[in-house]
Amino acid sequence: MTEQRGRATRQAAAVREALARRDGFTSAQDLHAELRGSGATVGLTTVYRHLQALADAGAVDVLRTPDGESVYRICGTGHHHHLVCRVCGRTVEVEGRAVERWTRQVAEAEGVVDVDHTVEIVGTCAACVSPPPPS
């Protein structure tokens, strides 16, 4: 049992560290390929399990791509929303005070408590709209 626990801890640490090296969002499959390429012995199911545990703990952000795939990245602190480029995936964390007020008002008007919400703003960033000319 101790060896299994040690292995799981090493694998969890490997997943966290690989995700922390990424600048933006990444899929479990891409993360798994990176880990396997670096010699880590970790299965895809294990990567998914550790990513879900990190998401449940609030340590990673999870977005769903237009084709339905979940992508992950290390999360900033505090409640926030995302502005995501649909072309390159560049993501900016943004506050949404107006969204927070509106959410509270709607919930209060309907008598709903313990409300949570997710807002993702998707568009095309300036760099993708007008890419630099070829050199």
C-alpha atoms as a PDB file:
ATOM      1  CA  MET A   1       0.000   0.000   0.000  1.00  0.00           C
ATOM      2  CA  THR A   2       2.833   2.403   0.841  1.00  0.00           C
ATOM      3  CA  GLU A   3       4.423   1.870  -2.566  1.00  0.00           C
ATOM      4  CA  GLN A   4       1.107   2.540  -4.313  1.00  0.00           C
ATOM      5  CA  ARG A   5       0.671   5.695  -2.240  1.00  0.00           C
ATOM      6  CA  GLY A   6       4.248   6.783  -3.031  1.00  0.00           C
ATOM      7  CA  ARG A   7       3.715   6.145  -6.717  1.00  0.00           C
ATOM      8  CA  ALA A   8       0.467   8.119  -6.703  1.00  0.00           C
ATOM      9  CA  THR A   9       2.206  10.993  -4.930  1.00  0.00           C
ATOM     10  CA  ARG A  10       5.054  11.000  -7.479  1.00  0.00           C
ATOM     11  CA  GLN A  11       2.558  10.875 -10.322  1.00  0.00           C
ATOM     12  CA  ALA A  12       0.454  13.670  -8.827  1.00  0.00           C
ATOM     13  CA  ALA A  13       3.577  15.792  -8.387  1.00  0.00           C
ATOM     14  CA  ALA A  14       4.642  15.069 -11.977  1.00  0.00           C
ATOM     15  CA  VAL A  15       1.223  16.157 -13.295  1.00  0.00           C
ATOM     16  CA  ARG A  16       1.271  19.358 -11.194  1.00  0.00           C
ATOM     17  CA  GLU A  17       4.827  20.211 -12.256  1.00  0.00           C
ATOM     18  CA  ALA A  18       4.163  19.577 -15.952  1.00  0.00           C
ATOM     19  CA  LEU A  19       1.036  21.731 -15.793  1.00  0.00           C
ATOM     20  CA  ALA A  20       2.937  24.501 -13.984  1.00  0.00           C
ATOM     21  CA  ARG A  21       5.479  24.621 -16.842  1.00  0.00           C
ATOM     22  CA  ARG A  22       2.711  25.442 -19.321  1.00  0.00           C
ATOM     23  CA  ASP A  23       1.817  29.060 -20.041  1.00  0.00           C
ATOM     24  CA  GLY A  24      -1.735  28.445 -21.116  1.00  0.00           C
ATOM     25  CA  PHE A  25      -4.405  25.798 -21.108  1.00  0.00           C
ATOM     26  CA  THR A  26      -3.549  22.255 -22.151  1.00  0.00           C
ATOM     27  CA  SER A  27      -5.433  19.020 -22.614  1.00  0.00           C
ATOM     28  CA  ALA A  28      -4.917  15.915 -20.524  1.00  0.00           C
ATOM     29  CA  GLN A  29      -3.735  14.128 -23.675  1.00  0.00           C
ATOM     30  CA  ASP A  30      -1.060  16.739 -24.402  1.00  0.00           C
ATOM     31  CA  LEU A  31       0.054  16.734 -20.778  1.00  0.00           C
ATOM     32  CA  HIS A  32       0.204  12.929 -20.829  1.00  0.00           C
ATOM     33  CA  ALA A  33       2.299  12.975 -24.023  1.00  0.00           C
ATOM     34  CA  GLU A  34       4.714  15.468 -22.448  1.00  0.00           C
ATOM     35  CA  LEU A  35       5.040  13.351 -19.312  1.00  0.00           C
ATOM     36  CA  ARG A  36       5.594  10.145 -21.283  1.00  0.00           C
ATOM     37  CA  GLY A  37       8.113  11.954 -23.513  1.00  0.00           C
ATOM     38  CA  SER A  38      10.092  12.963 -20.446  1.00  0.00           C
ATOM     39  CA  GLY A  39      10.194   9.348 -19.239  1.00  0.00           C
ATOM     40  CA  ALA A  40       7.472   9.528 -16.583  1.00  0.00           C
ATOM     41  CA  THR A  41       5.516   6.323 -16.125  1.00  0.00           C
ATOM     42  CA  VAL A  42       2.001   7.658 -15.827  1.00  0.00           C
ATOM     43  CA  GLY A  43      -1.157   6.530 -17.587  1.00  0.00           C
ATOM     44  CA  LEU A  44      -3.673   8.813 -19.259  1.00  0.00           C
ATOM     45  CA  THR A  45      -6.376   7.789 -16.764  1.00  0.00           C
ATOM     46  CA  THR A  46      -4.060   8.792 -13.927  1.00  0.00           C
ATOM     47  CA  VAL A  47      -3.445  12.192 -15.552  1.00  0.00           C
ATOM     48  CA  TYR A  48      -7.210  12.734 -15.830  1.00  0.00           C
ATOM     49  CA  ARG A  49      -7.721  11.650 -12.199  1.00  0.00           C
ATOM     50  CA  HIS A  50      -5.055  14.033 -10.884  1.00  0.00           C
ATOM     51  CA  LEU A  51      -6.308  16.921 -13.032  1.00  0.00           C
ATOM     52  CA  GLN A  52      -9.840  16.359 -11.712  1.00  0.00           C
ATOM     53  CA  ALA A  53      -8.560  16.308  -8.131  1.00  0.00           C
ATOM     54  CA  LEU A  54      -6.699  19.575  -8.759  1.00  0.00           C
ATOM     55  CA  ALA A  55      -9.843  21.086 -10.302  1.00  0.00           C
ATOM     56  CA  ASP A  56     -11.974  19.942  -7.357  1.00  0.00           C
ATOM     57  CA  ALA A  57      -9.466  21.587  -5.003  1.00  0.00           C
ATOM     58  CA  GLY A  58      -9.607  24.845  -6.978  1.00  0.00           C
ATOM     59  CA  ALA A  59      -5.927  24.576  -7.930  1.00  0.00           C
ATOM     60  CA  VAL A  60      -6.545  24.510 -11.687  1.00  0.00           C
ATOM     61  CA  ASP A  61      -8.868  26.255 -14.078  1.00  0.00           C
ATOM     62  CA  VAL A  62     -10.842  24.055 -16.461  1.00  0.00           C
ATOM     63  CA  LEU A  63     -12.283  25.331 -19.738  1.00  0.00           C
ATOM     64  CA  ARG A  64     -14.270  23.457 -22.341  1.00  0.00           C
ATOM     65  CA  THR A  65     -13.102  24.008 -25.917  1.00  0.00           C
ATOM     66  CA  PRO A  66     -15.634  24.528 -28.731  1.00  0.00           C
ATOM     67  CA  ASP A  67     -15.269  20.837 -29.646  1.00  0.00           C
ATOM     68  CA  GLY A  68     -16.095  19.811 -26.058  1.00  0.00           C
ATOM     69  CA  GLU A  69     -12.616  18.919 -24.813  1.00  0.00           C
ATOM     70  CA  SER A  70     -11.623  19.990 -21.291  1.00  0.00           C
ATOM     71  CA  VAL A  71      -8.364  21.910 -21.015  1.00  0.00           C
ATOM     72  CA  TYR A  72      -6.524  22.790 -17.808  1.00  0.00           C
ATOM     73  CA  ARG A  73      -4.046  25.283 -16.386  1.00  0.00           C
ATOM     74  CA  ILE A  74      -2.715  26.276 -13.005  1.00  0.00           C
ATOM     75  CA  CYS A  75      -5.229  28.651 -11.474  1.00  0.00           C
ATOM     76  CA  GLY A  76      -4.729  32.166 -10.246  1.00  0.00           C
ATOM     77  CA  THR A  77      -5.949  32.969  -6.783  1.00  0.00           C
ATOM     78  CA  GLY A  78      -9.422  34.177  -5.982  1.00  0.00           C
ATOM     79  CA  HIS A  79     -12.583  34.044  -8.017  1.00  0.00           C
ATOM     80  CA  HIS A  80     -12.070  35.181 -11.593  1.00  0.00           C
ATOM     81  CA  HIS A  81     -13.247  34.730 -15.157  1.00  0.00           C
ATOM     82  CA  HIS A  82     -11.433  34.171 -18.431  1.00  0.00           C
ATOM     83  CA  LEU A  83     -10.957  35.999 -21.700  1.00  0.00           C
ATOM     84  CA  VAL A  84      -9.809  33.334 -24.178  1.00  0.00           C
ATOM     85  CA  CYS A  85      -8.510  33.617 -27.751  1.00  0.00           C
ATOM     86  CA  ARG A  86     -10.284  31.006 -29.842  1.00  0.00           C
ATOM     87  CA  VAL A  87      -7.325  30.810 -32.245  1.00  0.00           C
ATOM     88  CA  CYS A  88      -4.188  30.554 -30.089  1.00  0.00           C
ATOM     89  CA  GLY A  89      -5.765  29.793 -26.705  1.00  0.00           C
ATOM     90  CA  ARG A  90      -4.110  32.740 -24.951  1.00  0.00           C
ATOM     91  CA  THR A  91      -6.065  33.303 -21.756  1.00  0.00           C
ATOM     92  CA  VAL A  92      -6.305  36.305 -19.466  1.00  0.00           C
ATOM     93  CA  GLU A  93      -7.861  36.146 -16.017  1.00  0.00           C
ATOM     94  CA  VAL A  94     -10.311  38.996 -15.526  1.00  0.00           C
ATOM     95  CA  GLU A  95     -12.464  40.224 -12.686  1.00  0.00           C
ATOM     96  CA  GLY A  96     -16.129  40.692 -13.353  1.00  0.00           C
ATOM     97  CA  ARG A  97     -17.600  42.913 -10.675  1.00  0.00           C
ATOM     98  CA  ALA A  98     -20.698  43.619 -12.773  1.00  0.00           C
ATOM     99  CA  VAL A  99     -21.145  39.877 -13.339  1.00  0.00           C
ATOM    100  CA  GLU A 100     -20.778  39.241  -9.613  1.00  0.00           C
ATOM    101  CA  ARG A 101     -23.449  41.846  -8.790  1.00  0.00           C
ATOM    102  CA  TRP A 102     -25.800  40.517 -11.464  1.00  0.00           C
ATOM    103  CA  THR A 103     -25.323  36.924 -10.240  1.00  0.00           C
ATOM    104  CA  ARG A 104     -26.119  37.940  -6.661  1.00  0.00           C
ATOM    105  CA  GLN A 105     -29.203  39.900  -7.756  1.00  0.00           C
ATOM    106  CA  VAL A 106     -30.592  37.056  -9.873  1.00  0.00           C
ATOM    107  CA  ALA A 107     -29.992  34.505  -7.118  1.00  0.00           C
ATOM    108  CA  GLU A 108     -31.554  36.707  -4.439  1.00  0.00           C
ATOM    109  CA  ALA A 109     -34.585  37.464  -6.611  1.00  0.00           C
ATOM    110  CA  GLU A 110     -35.155  33.733  -7.094  1.00  0.00           C
ATOM    111  CA  GLY A 111     -34.382  32.791  -3.485  1.00  0.00           C
ATOM    112  CA  VAL A 112     -31.351  30.726  -4.475  1.00  0.00           C
ATOM    113  CA  VAL A 113     -28.365  30.415  -2.124  1.00  0.00           C
ATOM    114  CA  ASP A 114     -24.871  28.932  -2.349  1.00  0.00           C
ATOM    115  CA  VAL A 115     -24.574  30.108  -5.961  1.00  0.00           C
ATOM    116  CA  ASP A 116     -21.541  29.463  -8.121  1.00  0.00           C
ATOM    117  CA  HIS A 117     -20.939  30.507 -11.703  1.00  0.00           C
ATOM    118  CA  THR A 118     -18.408  30.399 -14.515  1.00  0.00           C
ATOM    119  CA  VAL A 119     -17.910  33.032 -17.188  1.00  0.00           C
ATOM    120  CA  GLU A 120     -15.713  32.553 -20.228  1.00  0.00           C
ATOM    121  CA  ILE A 121     -15.416  35.329 -22.791  1.00  0.00           C
ATOM    122  CA  VAL A 122     -14.180  33.953 -26.093  1.00  0.00           C
ATOM    123  CA  GLY A 123     -12.871  36.018 -28.986  1.00  0.00           C
ATOM    124  CA  THR A 124      -9.847  36.470 -31.217  1.00  0.00           C
ATOM    125  CA  CYS A 125      -6.811  38.286 -29.819  1.00  0.00           C
ATOM    126  CA  ALA A 126      -5.114  41.126 -31.693  1.00  0.00           C
ATOM    127  CA  ALA A 127      -2.073  38.978 -32.547  1.00  0.00           C
ATOM    128  CA  CYS A 128      -4.270  36.359 -34.233  1.00  0.00           C
ATOM    129  CA  VAL A 129      -6.393  38.923 -36.081  1.00  0.00           C
ATOM    130  CA  SER A 130      -3.337  40.499 -37.701  1.00  0.00           C
ATOM    131  CA  PRO A 131      -0.387  38.128 -37.456  1.00  0.00           C
ATOM    132  CA  PRO A 132       3.069  39.559 -38.144  1.00  0.00           C
ATOM    133  CA  PRO A 133       4.216  39.476 -41.793  1.00  0.00           C
ATOM    134  CA  PRO A 134       6.455  36.553 -42.753  1.00  0.00           C
ATOM    135  CA  SER A 135      10.164  37.292 -42.547  1.00  0.00           C
END
